Each structure stands twice: as C-alpha cells, then as structure tokens.
Amino acid sequence: MSNSKKKIIVAIDTINIKEALSISNSVKGIGAVKLGLEFFCANGPQGIDEISKTGVKIFLDLKFHDIPNTVSGAIRAVLKLKPYMTNNRRV
C-alpha cells in the first residue's frame, strides 16, 4: 500500500449498518474509516464490531467532552472495541 493511501480516513456518515459495511468493504486498503456518534448511538458496540470484522482500522469519533474523569472512564469503556484511534477534547 502506498504511503498516501495509509493516510486516508474515510468518513462513514450513515447510521445504516448495511451501507456502512458496504463502504467499509469497498475501501479496504486505506488508512482507516471514521465512525461517529450517530452511528454509535444507532448501532452500539455491536455495530462497531461488525465494521471491525471487515478488517478496516476504525477511528471512533465520539467527540468526548465532559468532566475529565468521565471522559477517561468513557474512553476506557470503548477501548474494548479496539479502535485504531479515538479523540477527546481537553478544556
């Protein structure tokens, strides 16, 4: 895989699991896919797990922003989903 393809992150901006799976399967070989809060709320950890089974790396973009201890706990909770990357915002 070329270096430039490793840097691409494809945003999957749908809550439809079948559509998300189709996109994930069609972009294998890129850096990662981004799954956001709407997808997570609609499909939960099971949805993330389904996308993970396609073999793509996952950037889990849940926009954590809260009291630091709450954010730490939330991030620890989603680490079992093995995202390639996640984010939080420090105040």
PDB file of N, CA and C in Angstrom:
ATOM      1  N   MET A   1       0.856  -1.180   0.000  1.00  0.00           N
ATOM      2  CA  MET A   1       0.000   0.000   0.000  1.00  0.00           C
ATOM      3  C   MET A   1       0.893   1.232   0.000  1.00  0.00           C
ATOM      4  N   SER A   2       0.551   2.196  -0.810  1.00  0.00           N
ATOM      5  CA  SER A   2       1.352   3.424  -0.867  1.00  0.00           C
ATOM      6  C   SER A   2       1.165   4.233   0.410  1.00  0.00           C
ATOM      7  N   ASN A   3       2.165   5.048   0.699  1.00  0.00           N
ATOM      8  CA  ASN A   3       2.117   5.888   1.900  1.00  0.00           C
ATOM      9  C   ASN A   3       0.903   6.803   1.914  1.00  0.00           C
ATOM     10  N   SER A   4       0.544   7.350   0.756  1.00  0.00           N
ATOM     11  CA  SER A   4      -0.592   8.275   0.711  1.00  0.00           C
ATOM     12  C   SER A   4      -1.897   7.569   1.054  1.00  0.00           C
ATOM     13  N   LYS A   5      -2.059   6.313   0.655  1.00  0.00           N
ATOM     14  CA  LYS A   5      -3.288   5.574   0.985  1.00  0.00           C
ATOM     15  C   LYS A   5      -3.377   5.293   2.483  1.00  0.00           C
ATOM     16  N   LYS A   6      -2.243   5.129   3.151  1.00  0.00           N
ATOM     17  CA  LYS A   6      -2.224   4.865   4.589  1.00  0.00           C
ATOM     18  C   LYS A   6      -2.691   6.079   5.380  1.00  0.00           C
ATOM     19  N   LYS A   7      -2.673   7.269   4.762  1.00  0.00           N
ATOM     20  CA  LYS A   7      -3.051   8.495   5.453  1.00  0.00           C
ATOM     21  C   LYS A   7      -4.515   8.861   5.263  1.00  0.00           C
ATOM     22  N   ILE A   8      -5.218   8.140   4.409  1.00  0.00           N
ATOM     23  CA  ILE A   8      -6.616   8.465   4.117  1.00  0.00           C
ATOM     24  C   ILE A   8      -7.537   7.863   5.173  1.00  0.00           C
ATOM     25  N   ILE A   9      -8.458   8.695   5.668  1.00  0.00           N
ATOM     26  CA  ILE A   9      -9.508   8.229   6.572  1.00  0.00           C
ATOM     27  C   ILE A   9     -10.837   8.557   5.905  1.00  0.00           C
ATOM     28  N   VAL A  10     -11.627   7.528   5.660  1.00  0.00           N
ATOM     29  CA  VAL A  10     -12.918   7.696   5.002  1.00  0.00           C
ATOM     30  C   VAL A  10     -14.007   7.823   6.066  1.00  0.00           C
ATOM     31  N   ALA A  11     -14.733   8.932   6.022  1.00  0.00           N
ATOM     32  CA  ALA A  11     -15.840   9.152   6.964  1.00  0.00           C
ATOM     33  C   ALA A  11     -17.058   8.350   6.515  1.00  0.00           C
ATOM     34  N   ILE A  12     -17.558   7.512   7.390  1.00  0.00           N
ATOM     35  CA  ILE A  12     -18.787   6.771   7.111  1.00  0.00           C
ATOM     36  C   ILE A  12     -19.899   7.492   7.861  1.00  0.00           C
ATOM     37  N   ASP A  13     -20.580   8.368   7.165  1.00  0.00           N
ATOM     38  CA  ASP A  13     -21.600   9.214   7.785  1.00  0.00           C
ATOM     39  C   ASP A  13     -22.997   8.680   7.504  1.00  0.00           C
ATOM     40  N   THR A  14     -23.244   7.488   8.001  1.00  0.00           N
ATOM     41  CA  THR A  14     -24.557   6.874   7.899  1.00  0.00           C
ATOM     42  C   THR A  14     -24.810   6.091   9.180  1.00  0.00           C
ATOM     43  N   ILE A  15     -26.071   5.925   9.527  1.00  0.00           N
ATOM     44  CA  ILE A  15     -26.394   5.065  10.668  1.00  0.00           C
ATOM     45  C   ILE A  15     -26.831   3.688  10.183  1.00  0.00           C
ATOM     46  N   ASN A  16     -26.947   3.529   8.869  1.00  0.00           N
ATOM     47  CA  ASN A  16     -27.393   2.271   8.282  1.00  0.00           C
ATOM     48  C   ASN A  16     -26.234   1.279   8.267  1.00  0.00           C
ATOM     49  N   ILE A  17     -26.354   0.204   9.026  1.00  0.00           N
ATOM     50  CA  ILE A  17     -25.264  -0.763   9.170  1.00  0.00           C
ATOM     51  C   ILE A  17     -24.912  -1.424   7.843  1.00  0.00           C
ATOM     52  N   LYS A  18     -25.907  -1.740   7.029  1.00  0.00           N
ATOM     53  CA  LYS A  18     -25.618  -2.383   5.738  1.00  0.00           C
ATOM     54  C   LYS A  18     -24.828  -1.455   4.825  1.00  0.00           C
ATOM     55  N   GLU A  19     -25.201  -0.192   4.803  1.00  0.00           N
ATOM     56  CA  GLU A  19     -24.482   0.785   3.999  1.00  0.00           C
ATOM     57  C   GLU A  19     -23.058   0.971   4.521  1.00  0.00           C
ATOM     58  N   ALA A  20     -22.912   1.033   5.836  1.00  0.00           N
ATOM     59  CA  ALA A  20     -21.594   1.192   6.449  1.00  0.00           C
ATOM     60  C   ALA A  20     -20.696  -0.009   6.139  1.00  0.00           C
ATOM     61  N   LEU A  21     -21.267  -1.202   6.188  1.00  0.00           N
ATOM     62  CA  LEU A  21     -20.496  -2.405   5.854  1.00  0.00           C
ATOM     63  C   LEU A  21     -20.064  -2.384   4.393  1.00  0.00           C
ATOM     64  N   SER A  22     -20.954  -1.960   3.520  1.00  0.00           N
ATOM     65  CA  SER A  22     -20.633  -1.882   2.098  1.00  0.00           C
ATOM     66  C   SER A  22     -19.489  -0.899   1.848  1.00  0.00           C
ATOM     67  N   ILE A  23     -19.558   0.253   2.480  1.00  0.00           N
ATOM     68  CA  ILE A  23     -18.498   1.255   2.330  1.00  0.00           C
ATOM     69  C   ILE A  23     -17.179   0.700   2.871  1.00  0.00           C
ATOM     70  N   SER A  24     -17.223   0.097   4.052  1.00  0.00           N
ATOM     71  CA  SER A  24     -16.014  -0.460   4.665  1.00  0.00           C
ATOM     72  C   SER A  24     -15.361  -1.495   3.760  1.00  0.00           C
ATOM     73  N   ASN A  25     -16.176  -2.369   3.191  1.00  0.00           N
ATOM     74  CA  ASN A  25     -15.639  -3.395   2.296  1.00  0.00           C
ATOM     75  C   ASN A  25     -15.066  -2.798   1.022  1.00  0.00           C
ATOM     76  N   SER A  26     -15.630  -1.687   0.569  1.00  0.00           N
ATOM     77  CA  SER A  26     -15.163  -1.093  -0.694  1.00  0.00           C
ATOM     78  C   SER A  26     -13.909  -0.247  -0.532  1.00  0.00           C
ATOM     79  N   VAL A  27     -13.540   0.115   0.684  1.00  0.00           N
ATOM     80  CA  VAL A  27     -12.358   0.962   0.882  1.00  0.00           C
ATOM     81  C   VAL A  27     -11.222   0.232   1.600  1.00  0.00           C
ATOM     82  N   LYS A  28     -11.271  -1.084   1.609  1.00  0.00           N
ATOM     83  CA  LYS A  28     -10.169  -1.831   2.221  1.00  0.00           C
ATOM     84  C   LYS A  28      -8.865  -1.401   1.566  1.00  0.00           C
ATOM     85  N   GLY A  29      -7.838  -1.271   2.371  1.00  0.00           N
ATOM     86  CA  GLY A  29      -6.551  -0.858   1.838  1.00  0.00           C
ATOM     87  C   GLY A  29      -6.236   0.607   2.074  1.00  0.00           C
ATOM     88  N   ILE A  30      -7.185   1.337   2.671  1.00  0.00           N
ATOM     89  CA  ILE A  30      -6.895   2.729   3.019  1.00  0.00           C
ATOM     90  C   ILE A  30      -6.482   2.770   4.485  1.00  0.00           C
ATOM     91  N   GLY A  31      -6.189   3.964   4.989  1.00  0.00           N
ATOM     92  CA  GLY A  31      -5.707   4.100   6.363  1.00  0.00           C
ATOM     93  C   GLY A  31      -6.712   3.670   7.414  1.00  0.00           C
ATOM     94  N   ALA A  32      -7.950   4.185   7.321  1.00  0.00           N
ATOM     95  CA  ALA A  32      -8.956   3.883   8.338  1.00  0.00           C
ATOM     96  C   ALA A  32     -10.323   4.388   7.879  1.00  0.00           C
ATOM     97  N   VAL A  33     -11.345   3.992   8.612  1.00  0.00           N
ATOM     98  CA  VAL A  33     -12.678   4.573   8.430  1.00  0.00           C
ATOM     99  C   VAL A  33     -13.054   5.278   9.723  1.00  0.00           C
ATOM    100  N   LYS A  34     -13.834   6.350   9.604  1.00  0.00           N
ATOM    101  CA  LYS A  34     -14.288   7.091  10.778  1.00  0.00           C
ATOM    102  C   LYS A  34     -15.759   6.768  11.009  1.00  0.00           C
ATOM    103  N   LEU A  35     -16.044   6.326  12.227  1.00  0.00           N
ATOM    104  CA  LEU A  35     -17.420   6.103  12.658  1.00  0.00           C
ATOM    105  C   LEU A  35     -17.706   7.082  13.783  1.00  0.00           C
ATOM    106  N   GLY A  36     -18.818   7.787  13.674  1.00  0.00           N
ATOM    107  CA  GLY A  36     -19.111   8.842  14.627  1.00  0.00           C
ATOM    108  C   GLY A  36     -20.188   8.509  15.640  1.00  0.00           C
ATOM    109  N   LEU A  37     -20.564   9.530  16.366  1.00  0.00           N
ATOM    110  CA  LEU A  37     -21.515   9.408  17.461  1.00  0.00           C
ATOM    111  C   LEU A  37     -22.878   8.913  16.990  1.00  0.00           C
ATOM    112  N   GLU A  38     -23.366   9.416  15.861  1.00  0.00           N
ATOM    113  CA  GLU A  38     -24.679   8.979  15.375  1.00  0.00           C
ATOM    114  C   GLU A  38     -24.677   7.491  15.064  1.00  0.00           C
ATOM    115  N   PHE A  39     -23.625   7.007  14.394  1.00  0.00           N
ATOM    116  CA  PHE A  39     -23.529   5.577  14.095  1.00  0.00           C
ATOM    117  C   PHE A  39     -23.491   4.777  15.391  1.00  0.00           C
ATOM    118  N   PHE A  40     -22.668   5.236  16.338  1.00  0.00           N
ATOM    119  CA  PHE A  40     -22.524   4.515  17.601  1.00  0.00           C
ATOM    120  C   PHE A  40     -23.843   4.468  18.372  1.00  0.00           C
ATOM    121  N   CYS A  41     -24.547   5.582  18.417  1.00  0.00           N
ATOM    122  CA  CYS A  41     -25.826   5.613  19.141  1.00  0.00           C
ATOM    123  C   CYS A  41     -26.869   4.721  18.468  1.00  0.00           C
ATOM    124  N   ALA A  42     -26.834   4.639  17.152  1.00  0.00           N
ATOM    125  CA  ALA A  42     -27.805   3.821  16.426  1.00  0.00           C
ATOM    126  C   ALA A  42     -27.475   2.331  16.471  1.00  0.00           C
ATOM    127  N   ASN A  43     -26.181   1.997  16.494  1.00  0.00           N
ATOM    128  CA  ASN A  43     -25.772   0.598  16.346  1.00  0.00           C
ATOM    129  C   ASN A  43     -24.995   0.029  17.526  1.00  0.00           C
ATOM    130  N   GLY A  44     -24.553   0.892  18.431  1.00  0.00           N
ATOM    131  CA  GLY A  44     -23.863   0.448  19.631  1.00  0.00           C
ATOM    132  C   GLY A  44     -22.549  -0.264  19.359  1.00  0.00           C
ATOM    133  N   PRO A  45     -21.992  -0.866  20.399  1.00  0.00           N
ATOM    134  CA  PRO A  45     -20.738  -1.609  20.249  1.00  0.00           C
ATOM    135  C   PRO A  45     -20.845  -2.734  19.215  1.00  0.00           C
ATOM    136  N   GLN A  46     -22.028  -3.310  19.075  1.00  0.00           N
ATOM    137  CA  GLN A  46     -22.209  -4.390  18.097  1.00  0.00           C
ATOM    138  C   GLN A  46     -21.967  -3.881  16.677  1.00  0.00           C
ATOM    139  N   GLY A  47     -22.407  -2.659  16.396  1.00  0.00           N
ATOM    140  CA  GLY A  47     -22.180  -2.077  15.074  1.00  0.00           C
ATOM    141  C   GLY A  47     -20.706  -1.846  14.804  1.00  0.00           C
ATOM    142  N   ILE A  48     -19.988  -1.366  15.805  1.00  0.00           N
ATOM    143  CA  ILE A  48     -18.549  -1.156  15.671  1.00  0.00           C
ATOM    144  C   ILE A  48     -17.866  -2.498  15.425  1.00  0.00           C
ATOM    145  N   ASP A  49     -18.292  -3.509  16.155  1.00  0.00           N
ATOM    146  CA  ASP A  49     -17.732  -4.852  15.999  1.00  0.00           C
ATOM    147  C   ASP A  49     -17.966  -5.383  14.587  1.00  0.00           C
ATOM    148  N   GLU A  50     -19.149  -5.155  14.034  1.00  0.00           N
ATOM    149  CA  GLU A  50     -19.452  -5.615  12.678  1.00  0.00           C
ATOM    150  C   GLU A  50     -18.531  -4.955  11.654  1.00  0.00           C
ATOM    151  N   ILE A  51     -18.322  -3.650  11.798  1.00  0.00           N
ATOM    152  CA  ILE A  51     -17.433  -2.940  10.878  1.00  0.00           C
ATOM    153  C   ILE A  51     -15.997  -3.446  11.056  1.00  0.00           C
ATOM    154  N   SER A  52     -15.601  -3.678  12.289  1.00  0.00           N
ATOM    155  CA  SER A  52     -14.257  -4.167  12.583  1.00  0.00           C
ATOM    156  C   SER A  52     -13.978  -5.502  11.888  1.00  0.00           C
ATOM    157  N   LYS A  53     -14.992  -6.325  11.754  1.00  0.00           N
ATOM    158  CA  LYS A  53     -14.828  -7.637  11.112  1.00  0.00           C
ATOM    159  C   LYS A  53     -14.458  -7.523   9.638  1.00  0.00           C
ATOM    160  N   THR A  54     -14.651  -6.351   9.036  1.00  0.00           N
ATOM    161  CA  THR A  54     -14.262  -6.175   7.632  1.00  0.00           C
ATOM    162  C   THR A  54     -12.752  -6.029   7.496  1.00  0.00           C
ATOM    163  N   GLY A  55     -12.068  -5.790   8.609  1.00  0.00           N
ATOM    164  CA  GLY A  55     -10.613  -5.670   8.585  1.00  0.00           C
ATOM    165  C   GLY A  55     -10.092  -4.249   8.474  1.00  0.00           C
ATOM    166  N   VAL A  56     -10.991  -3.258   8.406  1.00  0.00           N
ATOM    167  CA  VAL A  56     -10.535  -1.875   8.321  1.00  0.00           C
ATOM    168  C   VAL A  56     -10.173  -1.356   9.706  1.00  0.00           C
ATOM    169  N   LYS A  57      -9.245  -0.408   9.756  1.00  0.00           N
ATOM    170  CA  LYS A  57      -8.954   0.269  11.017  1.00  0.00           C
ATOM    171  C   LYS A  57     -10.086   1.257  11.275  1.00  0.00           C
ATOM    172  N   ILE A  58     -10.408   1.457  12.553  1.00  0.00           N
ATOM    173  CA  ILE A  58     -11.527   2.326  12.907  1.00  0.00           C
ATOM    174  C   ILE A  58     -11.058   3.515  13.731  1.00  0.00           C
ATOM    175  N   PHE A  59     -11.416   4.701  13.256  1.00  0.00           N
ATOM    176  CA  PHE A  59     -11.286   5.935  14.030  1.00  0.00           C
ATOM    177  C   PHE A  59     -12.661   6.143  14.647  1.00  0.00           C
ATOM    178  N   LEU A  60     -12.766   5.939  15.940  1.00  0.00           N
ATOM    179  CA  LEU A  60     -14.033   6.063  16.650  1.00  0.00           C
ATOM    180  C   LEU A  60     -14.165   7.499  17.157  1.00  0.00           C
ATOM    181  N   ASP A  61     -14.916   8.297  16.435  1.00  0.00           N
ATOM    182  CA  ASP A  61     -15.028   9.735  16.662  1.00  0.00           C
ATOM    183  C   ASP A  61     -16.303  10.038  17.454  1.00  0.00           C
ATOM    184  N   LEU A  62     -16.226   9.878  18.782  1.00  0.00           N
ATOM    185  CA  LEU A  62     -17.405  10.066  19.624  1.00  0.00           C
ATOM    186  C   LEU A  62     -17.455  11.434  20.285  1.00  0.00           C
ATOM    187  N   LYS A  63     -16.494  12.292  19.986  1.00  0.00           N
ATOM    188  CA  LYS A  63     -16.481  13.673  20.474  1.00  0.00           C
ATOM    189  C   LYS A  63     -16.646  13.765  22.000  1.00  0.00           C
ATOM    190  N   PHE A  64     -15.877  12.979  22.705  1.00  0.00           N
ATOM    191  CA  PHE A  64     -15.946  13.016  24.164  1.00  0.00           C
ATOM    192  C   PHE A  64     -15.577  14.415  24.676  1.00  0.00           C
ATOM    193  N   HIS A  65     -16.430  14.971  25.507  1.00  0.00           N
ATOM    194  CA  HIS A  65     -16.174  16.266  26.124  1.00  0.00           C
ATOM    195  C   HIS A  65     -17.008  16.325  27.394  1.00  0.00           C
ATOM    196  N   ASP A  66     -16.364  16.259  28.516  1.00  0.00           N
ATOM    197  CA  ASP A  66     -17.080  16.230  29.792  1.00  0.00           C
ATOM    198  C   ASP A  66     -16.044  16.442  30.887  1.00  0.00           C
ATOM    199  N   ILE A  67     -16.422  16.154  32.099  1.00  0.00           N
ATOM    200  CA  ILE A  67     -15.501  16.182  33.233  1.00  0.00           C
ATOM    201  C   ILE A  67     -14.378  15.185  32.939  1.00  0.00           C
ATOM    202  N   PRO A  68     -13.121  15.550  33.177  1.00  0.00           N
ATOM    203  CA  PRO A  68     -12.008  14.666  32.819  1.00  0.00           C
ATOM    204  C   PRO A  68     -12.160  13.219  33.291  1.00  0.00           C
ATOM    205  N   ASN A  69     -12.606  13.000  34.510  1.00  0.00           N
ATOM    206  CA  ASN A  69     -12.769  11.619  34.988  1.00  0.00           C
ATOM    207  C   ASN A  69     -13.835  10.872  34.195  1.00  0.00           C
ATOM    208  N   THR A  70     -14.893  11.570  33.798  1.00  0.00           N
ATOM    209  CA  THR A  70     -15.947  10.954  32.999  1.00  0.00           C
ATOM    210  C   THR A  70     -15.425  10.592  31.616  1.00  0.00           C
ATOM    211  N   VAL A  71     -14.661  11.501  31.021  1.00  0.00           N
ATOM    212  CA  VAL A  71     -14.072  11.244  29.705  1.00  0.00           C
ATOM    213  C   VAL A  71     -13.119  10.053  29.791  1.00  0.00           C
ATOM    214  N   SER A  72     -12.293  10.007  30.819  1.00  0.00           N
ATOM    215  CA  SER A  72     -11.361   8.885  30.987  1.00  0.00           C
ATOM    216  C   SER A  72     -12.111   7.563  31.091  1.00  0.00           C
ATOM    217  N   GLY A  73     -13.176   7.552  31.867  1.00  0.00           N
ATOM    218  CA  GLY A  73     -13.980   6.333  32.014  1.00  0.00           C
ATOM    219  C   GLY A  73     -14.635   5.923  30.708  1.00  0.00           C
ATOM    220  N   ALA A  74     -15.149   6.902  29.967  1.00  0.00           N
ATOM    221  CA  ALA A  74     -15.794   6.605  28.686  1.00  0.00           C
ATOM    222  C   ALA A  74     -14.784   6.051  27.684  1.00  0.00           C
ATOM    223  N   ILE A  75     -13.610   6.626  27.654  1.00  0.00           N
ATOM    224  CA  ILE A  75     -12.583   6.133  26.734  1.00  0.00           C
ATOM    225  C   ILE A  75     -12.151   4.726  27.131  1.00  0.00           C
ATOM    226  N   ARG A  76     -11.970   4.478  28.407  1.00  0.00           N
ATOM    227  CA  ARG A  76     -11.636   3.116  28.848  1.00  0.00           C
ATOM    228  C   ARG A  76     -12.720   2.130  28.412  1.00  0.00           C
ATOM    229  N   ALA A  77     -13.983   2.558  28.493  1.00  0.00           N
ATOM    230  CA  ALA A  77     -15.092   1.677  28.121  1.00  0.00           C
ATOM    231  C   ALA A  77     -15.082   1.323  26.634  1.00  0.00           C
ATOM    232  N   VAL A  78     -14.695   2.277  25.768  1.00  0.00           N
ATOM    233  CA  VAL A  78     -14.710   1.975  24.335  1.00  0.00           C
ATOM    234  C   VAL A  78     -13.417   1.316  23.857  1.00  0.00           C
ATOM    235  N   LEU A  79     -12.386   1.284  24.684  1.00  0.00           N
ATOM    236  CA  LEU A  79     -11.133   0.651  24.263  1.00  0.00           C
ATOM    237  C   LEU A  79     -11.314  -0.833  23.983  1.00  0.00           C
ATOM    238  N   LYS A  80     -12.296  -1.463  24.618  1.00  0.00           N
ATOM    239  CA  LYS A  80     -12.531  -2.885  24.342  1.00  0.00           C
ATOM    240  C   LYS A  80     -12.989  -3.099  22.899  1.00  0.00           C
ATOM    241  N   LEU A  81     -13.414  -2.022  22.223  1.00  0.00           N
ATOM    242  CA  LEU A  81     -13.798  -2.106  20.811  1.00  0.00           C
ATOM    243  C   LEU A  81     -12.576  -2.058  19.899  1.00  0.00           C
ATOM    244  N   LYS A  82     -11.411  -1.808  20.479  1.00  0.00           N
ATOM    245  CA  LYS A  82     -10.126  -1.777  19.782  1.00  0.00           C
ATOM    246  C   LYS A  82     -10.090  -0.791  18.612  1.00  0.00           C
ATOM    247  N   PRO A  83     -10.511   0.462  18.842  1.00  0.00           N
ATOM    248  CA  PRO A  83     -10.412   1.432  17.745  1.00  0.00           C
ATOM    249  C   PRO A  83      -8.951   1.725  17.426  1.00  0.00           C
ATOM    250  N   TYR A  84      -8.692   2.008  16.175  1.00  0.00           N
ATOM    251  CA  TYR A  84      -7.361   2.431  15.741  1.00  0.00           C
ATOM    252  C   TYR A  84      -7.046   3.784  16.370  1.00  0.00           C
ATOM    253  N   MET A  85      -8.082   4.619  16.507  1.00  0.00           N
ATOM    254  CA  MET A  85      -7.905   5.968  17.022  1.00  0.00           C
ATOM    255  C   MET A  85      -9.236   6.436  17.602  1.00  0.00           C
ATOM    256  N   THR A  86      -9.176   7.272  18.604  1.00  0.00           N
ATOM    257  CA  THR A  86     -10.352   7.954  19.125  1.00  0.00           C
ATOM    258  C   THR A  86      -9.913   9.359  19.507  1.00  0.00           C
ATOM    259  N   ASN A  87     -10.807  10.166  20.020  1.00  0.00           N
ATOM    260  CA  ASN A  87     -10.430  11.539  20.331  1.00  0.00           C
ATOM    261  C   ASN A  87     -11.116  12.006  21.592  1.00  0.00           C
ATOM    262  N   ASN A  88     -10.570  13.049  22.158  1.00  0.00           N
ATOM    263  CA  ASN A  88     -11.231  13.753  23.252  1.00  0.00           C
ATOM    264  C   ASN A  88     -10.752  15.200  23.194  1.00  0.00           C
ATOM    265  N   ARG A  89     -11.466  16.026  23.862  1.00  0.00           N
ATOM    266  CA  ARG A  89     -11.114  17.448  23.854  1.00  0.00           C
ATOM    267  C   ARG A  89     -10.832  17.886  25.280  1.00  0.00           C
ATOM    268  N   ARG A  90      -9.662  18.391  25.477  1.00  0.00           N
ATOM    269  CA  ARG A  90      -9.307  18.898  26.814  1.00  0.00           C
ATOM    270  C   ARG A  90      -9.744  20.352  26.913  1.00  0.00           C
ATOM    271  N   VAL A  91     -10.210  20.725  28.074  1.00  0.00           N
ATOM    272  CA  VAL A  91     -10.653  22.092  28.307  1.00  0.00           C
ATOM    273  C   VAL A  91      -9.518  22.885  28.915  1.00  0.00           C
TER     274      VAL A  91
END
